[in-house]
C-alpha atoms as a PDB file:
ATOM      1  CA  MET A   1     -12.723   5.087   4.168  1.00  0.00           C
ATOM      2  CA  SER A   2     -16.212   6.179   3.169  1.00  0.00           C
ATOM      3  CA  ASP A   3     -15.013   9.795   3.050  1.00  0.00           C
ATOM      4  CA  ARG A   4     -12.479   8.785   0.410  1.00  0.00           C
ATOM      5  CA  ASP A   5     -15.158   6.962  -1.580  1.00  0.00           C
ATOM      6  CA  GLU A   6     -17.453   9.988  -1.410  1.00  0.00           C
ATOM      7  CA  PHE A   7     -14.654  12.329  -2.444  1.00  0.00           C
ATOM      8  CA  GLY A   8     -13.685  10.008  -5.308  1.00  0.00           C
ATOM      9  CA  ALA A   9     -17.286   9.922  -6.527  1.00  0.00           C
ATOM     10  CA  PHE A  10     -17.489  13.704  -6.266  1.00  0.00           C
ATOM     11  CA  LEU A  11     -14.236  14.096  -8.195  1.00  0.00           C
ATOM     12  CA  VAL A  12     -15.355  11.747 -10.977  1.00  0.00           C
ATOM     13  CA  GLY A  13     -18.679  13.567 -11.219  1.00  0.00           C
ATOM     14  CA  PHE A  14     -16.933  16.911 -11.325  1.00  0.00           C
ATOM     15  CA  ILE A  15     -14.627  15.808 -14.148  1.00  0.00           C
ATOM     16  CA  VAL A  16     -17.412  14.187 -16.160  1.00  0.00           C
ATOM     17  CA  GLY A  17     -19.586  17.271 -15.690  1.00  0.00           C
ATOM     18  CA  GLY A  18     -16.759  19.551 -16.775  1.00  0.00           C
ATOM     19  CA  LEU A  19     -16.102  17.499 -19.888  1.00  0.00           C
ATOM     20  CA  THR A  20     -19.793  17.378 -20.739  1.00  0.00           C
ATOM     21  CA  GLY A  21     -20.065  21.134 -20.338  1.00  0.00           C
ATOM     22  CA  ALA A  22     -17.025  21.660 -22.544  1.00  0.00           C
ATOM     23  CA  VAL A  23     -18.452  19.457 -25.303  1.00  0.00           C
ATOM     24  CA  VAL A  24     -21.864  21.152 -25.159  1.00  0.00           C
ATOM     25  CA  SER A  25     -20.290  24.599 -25.256  1.00  0.00           C
ATOM     26  CA  LEU A  26     -18.243  23.603 -28.295  1.00  0.00           C
ATOM     27  CA  LEU A  27     -21.271  22.232 -30.087  1.00  0.00           C
ATOM     28  CA  PHE A  28     -23.333  25.378 -29.473  1.00  0.00           C
ATOM     29  CA  ALA A  29     -20.485  27.793 -30.148  1.00  0.00           C
ATOM     30  CA  PRO A  30     -21.050  30.336 -32.948  1.00  0.00           C
ATOM     31  CA  GLN A  31     -18.387  28.810 -35.168  1.00  0.00           C
ATOM     32  CA  SER A  32     -18.465  26.889 -38.390  1.00  0.00           C
ATOM     33  CA  GLY A  33     -18.528  23.111 -38.257  1.00  0.00           C
ATOM     34  CA  GLU A  34     -14.994  22.879 -39.566  1.00  0.00           C
ATOM     35  CA  GLU A  35     -13.657  25.215 -36.883  1.00  0.00           C
ATOM     36  CA  THR A  36     -15.579  23.329 -34.205  1.00  0.00           C
ATOM     37  CA  ARG A  37     -14.220  19.970 -35.386  1.00  0.00           C
ATOM     38  CA  ALA A  38     -10.671  21.365 -35.390  1.00  0.00           C
ATOM     39  CA  LEU A  39     -11.202  22.723 -31.879  1.00  0.00           C
ATOM     40  CA  ILE A  40     -12.599  19.373 -30.690  1.00  0.00           C
ATOM     41  CA  LYS A  41      -9.636  17.585 -32.249  1.00  0.00           C
ATOM     42  CA  ASP A  42      -7.164  19.916 -30.518  1.00  0.00           C
ATOM     43  CA  LYS A  43      -8.916  19.560 -27.181  1.00  0.00           C
ATOM     44  CA  SER A  44      -9.084  15.767 -27.500  1.00  0.00           C
ATOM     45  CA  ILE A  45      -5.340  15.614 -28.220  1.00  0.00           C
ATOM     46  CA  GLU A  46      -4.691  17.854 -25.221  1.00  0.00           C
ATOM     47  CA  LEU A  47      -6.955  15.705 -23.031  1.00  0.00           C
ATOM     48  CA  ARG A  48      -5.260  12.508 -24.240  1.00  0.00           C
ATOM     49  CA  ASP A  49      -1.845  13.953 -23.389  1.00  0.00           C
ATOM     50  CA  LYS A  50      -3.030  14.980 -19.922  1.00  0.00           C
ATOM     51  CA  ALA A  51      -4.541  11.544 -19.342  1.00  0.00           C
ATOM     52  CA  SER A  52      -1.312   9.880 -20.458  1.00  0.00           C
ATOM     53  CA  ALA A  53       0.729  12.082 -18.126  1.00  0.00           C
ATOM     54  CA  SER A  54      -1.659  11.355 -15.247  1.00  0.00           C
ATOM     55  CA  ALA A  55      -1.464   7.622 -15.931  1.00  0.00           C
ATOM     56  CA  GLU A  56       2.340   7.722 -15.943  1.00  0.00           C
ATOM     57  CA  GLU A  57       2.341   9.685 -12.700  1.00  0.00           C
ATOM     58  CA  ALA A  58      -0.083   7.228 -11.094  1.00  0.00           C
ATOM     59  CA  LEU A  59       2.069   4.310 -12.262  1.00  0.00           C
ATOM     60  CA  ALA A  60       5.180   5.921 -10.796  1.00  0.00           C
ATOM     61  CA  LYS A  61       3.393   6.480  -7.473  1.00  0.00           C
ATOM     62  CA  ALA A  62       2.139   2.889  -7.458  1.00  0.00           C
ATOM     63  CA  GLU A  63       5.647   1.560  -8.134  1.00  0.00           C
ATOM     64  CA  ALA A  64       7.064   3.724  -5.338  1.00  0.00           C
ATOM     65  CA  ALA A  65       4.363   2.530  -2.935  1.00  0.00           C
ATOM     66  CA  ALA A  66       5.037  -1.093  -3.909  1.00  0.00           C
ATOM     67  CA  ALA A  67       8.768  -0.655  -3.340  1.00  0.00           C
ATOM     68  CA  GLU A  68       8.114   0.942   0.046  1.00  0.00           C
ATOM     69  CA  ALA A  69       5.727  -1.864   1.012  1.00  0.00           C
ATOM     70  CA  ARG A  70       8.284  -4.462  -0.100  1.00  0.00           C
ATOM     71  CA  ALA A  71      10.998  -2.797   1.989  1.00  0.00           C
ATOM     72  CA  ARG A  72       8.688  -2.607   5.000  1.00  0.00           C
ATOM     73  CA  ALA A  73       7.752  -6.275   4.604  1.00  0.00           C
ATOM     74  CA  ASP A  74      11.443  -7.235   4.442  1.00  0.00           C
ATOM     75  CA  GLU A  75      12.149  -5.232   7.587  1.00  0.00           C
ATOM     76  CA  LEU A  76       9.238  -6.852   9.415  1.00  0.00           C
ATOM     77  CA  ALA A  77      10.434 -10.288   8.287  1.00  0.00           C
ATOM     78  CA  LYS A  78      13.897  -9.567   9.706  1.00  0.00           C
ATOM     79  CA  GLN A  79      12.391  -8.415  13.009  1.00  0.00           C
ATOM     80  CA  LEU A  80      10.169 -11.485  13.169  1.00  0.00           C
ATOM     81  CA  LYS A  81      13.120 -13.780  12.464  1.00  0.00           C
ATOM     82  CA  ALA A  82      15.197 -12.141  15.204  1.00  0.00           C
ATOM     83  CA  ARG A  83      12.305 -12.380  17.635  1.00  0.00           C
ATOM     84  CA  GLY A  84      11.788 -16.039  16.755  1.00  0.00           C
ATOM     85  CA  GLU A  85      15.465 -16.809  17.290  1.00  0.00           C
ATOM     86  CA  THR A  86      15.318 -15.108  20.691  1.00  0.00           C
ATOM     87  CA  ILE A  87      12.259 -17.128  21.688  1.00  0.00           C
ATOM     88  CA  VAL A  88      13.821 -20.395  20.496  1.00  0.00           C
ATOM     89  CA  SER A  89      16.995 -19.637  22.460  1.00  0.00           C
ATOM     90  CA  ASP A  90      14.956 -18.824  25.571  1.00  0.00           C
ATOM     91  CA  VAL A  91      12.920 -22.026  25.239  1.00  0.00           C
ATOM     92  CA  LYS A  92      16.092 -24.092  24.790  1.00  0.00           C
ATOM     93  CA  THR A  93      17.593 -22.538  27.928  1.00  0.00           C
ATOM     94  CA  ARG A  94      14.457 -23.144  29.977  1.00  0.00           C
ATOM     95  CA  GLY A  95      14.166 -26.676  28.654  1.00  0.00           C
ATOM     96  CA  LYS A  96      17.762 -27.456  29.537  1.00  0.00           C
ATOM     97  CA  THR A  97      17.279 -26.010  33.012  1.00  0.00           C
ATOM     98  CA  ALA A  98      14.126 -28.082  33.520  1.00  0.00           C
ATOM     99  CA  LEU A  99      15.851 -31.216  32.197  1.00  0.00           C
ATOM    100  CA  ASP A 100      18.833 -30.676  34.490  1.00  0.00           C
ATOM    101  CA  ALA A 101      16.481 -30.233  37.437  1.00  0.00           C
ATOM    102  CA  VAL A 102      14.711 -33.493  36.623  1.00  0.00           C
ATOM    103  CA  ARG A 103      17.941 -35.437  36.072  1.00  0.00           C
ATOM    104  CA  LYS A 104      19.603 -34.142  39.246  1.00  0.00           C
ATOM    105  CA  PRO A 105      18.868 -36.620  42.051  1.00  0.00           C
ATOM    106  CA  LYS A 106      17.003 -35.100  44.939  1.00  0.00           C
ATOM    107  CA  LYS A 107      18.725 -35.275  48.250  1.00  0.00           C
ATOM    108  CA  THR A 108      16.993 -37.152  50.986  1.00  0.00           C
ATOM    109  CA  GLU A 109      16.451 -35.661  54.412  1.00  0.00           C
ATOM    110  CA  GLU A 110      19.341 -37.696  55.793  1.00  0.00           C
ATOM    111  CA  GLU A 111      21.742 -36.367  53.165  1.00  0.00           C
ATOM    112  CA  VAL A 112      20.596 -32.822  53.814  1.00  0.00           C
ATOM    113  CA  ALA A 113      21.181 -33.251  57.560  1.00  0.00           C
ATOM    114  CA  ILE A 114      24.699 -34.466  57.059  1.00  0.00           C
END
């Protein structure tokens, strides 16, 4: 799990560093202010669209994972119910057998000899 956390931190740092570098390069570019602002506007629109697409993709993956987890939970519930019914049936059978053994009168040694 810590490998995932480290990779996530690396990925966030990489993205933030890339964005920072892009902004600095735009600000120091040999263009007029108007051209730079237009370029920043275009890039921000492009970045917003990419972020929106990534968010939609992440939402779709989360919904799919939730549906899969729900299906798995339902399947496990069915298995647990079947197992419980089997155990209850087995306990009833054993209980009945034990009750019959207790209720059945034991034969004395004289009755066994006869």
